[in-house]
């Protein structure tokens, strides 16, 4: 391990791999850090190295990302740190570069880098509804991780429900693996899907995901799996684990329709209402962020070269707004070119030439991603599913009723941090990742405003759970925090 790296890349998914390929080719000393055991991120979640399945992610939709993965695995100029979380990011006291605090099985250690590129990806949006904490309720990403990396289906009778089109891809993969699907439920009306085709030029430029969705629908039809629109899981029941789900109709305006509810027996419910940018590390470092409408979460702001508001801190991929692997790869390349420009390895003319076609392609993909985000937004539906008795914060076992009472008592709860003082929501190990979105939506609903006008939970060191014994013996280092750290 070097004393100081030129660039530390956090995240080994499409954005991080694309950046590493360009930066190592330019001769920079790179370290790439990822929490998983192998490269690829969530979209290319790999089986253990000892496995060698011949049919791993064989669809055409994975071709470009798999090609990048193959090239990234051959890189000789980058050091790779797997099974490692970045739990802190500080500006060094000299003002030059950063110190990254790393947590892994051996313990906590530090690493220095002149520049940092954050490409940590996203995570599944939590969907609090009655019964969502029962064993047997999972996110789409959780189910897909087991299927991709372990070839394991965690249920015998599966129901998928939500608003995100990943449901179709996952359903096709489950069927292909021999799983038994009861149904796939989309809260949107069927006619809403046609919005994706209203701009023929954008649809044609994004033909691959549309073709993949169409192929998935055909495969599900052949397998006898019902794909139903205007339906959602309203509650999940069971004793020790999931036994059934109650299904409600949803209007074209995203409102639950009153009336009798259908019951579907199942032992696994996969919920897929969208994804949130994993921006905690950037926000901890002081980078400017804004509400990622319409789906939620906080996306990090950046300039044309993917530089954040913090000097020498760049961002790429889902952290800038969830838009998929193709966008992430292009943003990772732009961020790398921006870093080379700042390092003096590229002239502005050279950097612009290298990125001209990438920017054109990015503009087309981004338009499609925005349309998809609007189509799959559950911002109207999700608040209706959570009853007062529904658990809001799983870490602290706090129910929505506690937040409702505090808001009704006019206790000056105007942001997520205030809920910690009154209800303890957000005080758990996840630092609010599982309840922030729902907390802000509920507060906004009570105050008659948009979640964008409220402040989220303040990320605090360490950003991931770390045994305190691993921190006790760490000697002081010449480093300082950012604005929020200084004031706290």
Foldseek 3Di string as FASTA:
>chain_A
DDQEFAEEEEAQALLSLLLVVLQVVLPGQYEYEYQAPAHHPLVQQAAPPVDDDPCQPVDPVCVVRVVSRVVSVPDDRYHYHYNKDFQAWFQFLVNFWIKTWIQHPVFIDIHTYRFYEYEHAWFFAFFFFAPCPAAQEAALSVQSSCCNHPVDGPWQEEEEFAAALVLLVSVLSCVVSPHHYQAYEHLADPVLVCVLCPPVVLCVLVVVVVVSSVVSVVSCVVVVHYYYYQKGFLYFDDDRFTFKTWMFGADNVGHTDDDHTDIDTTGHYYYGLDIEAPCQRVVQQPFDWFFQPPAGYIAGDADQLQHTPDPSYGYFACSRPDQDSLRRNLNSNSVSLVSCCVVVSDPPVRSCVVNVVSVVSNVSSVVSSVSSCVSSHNLPNSVVSFDQQTQQAPQVRFGNVQLVVCVVVVPVPQAAVVCCVRTVRLVGQQNNPNRFGVSLSVNCVSVVHDSRRHYTGRQDGRNGDRPVVSVPPDDDRRTDGDDVRVVD
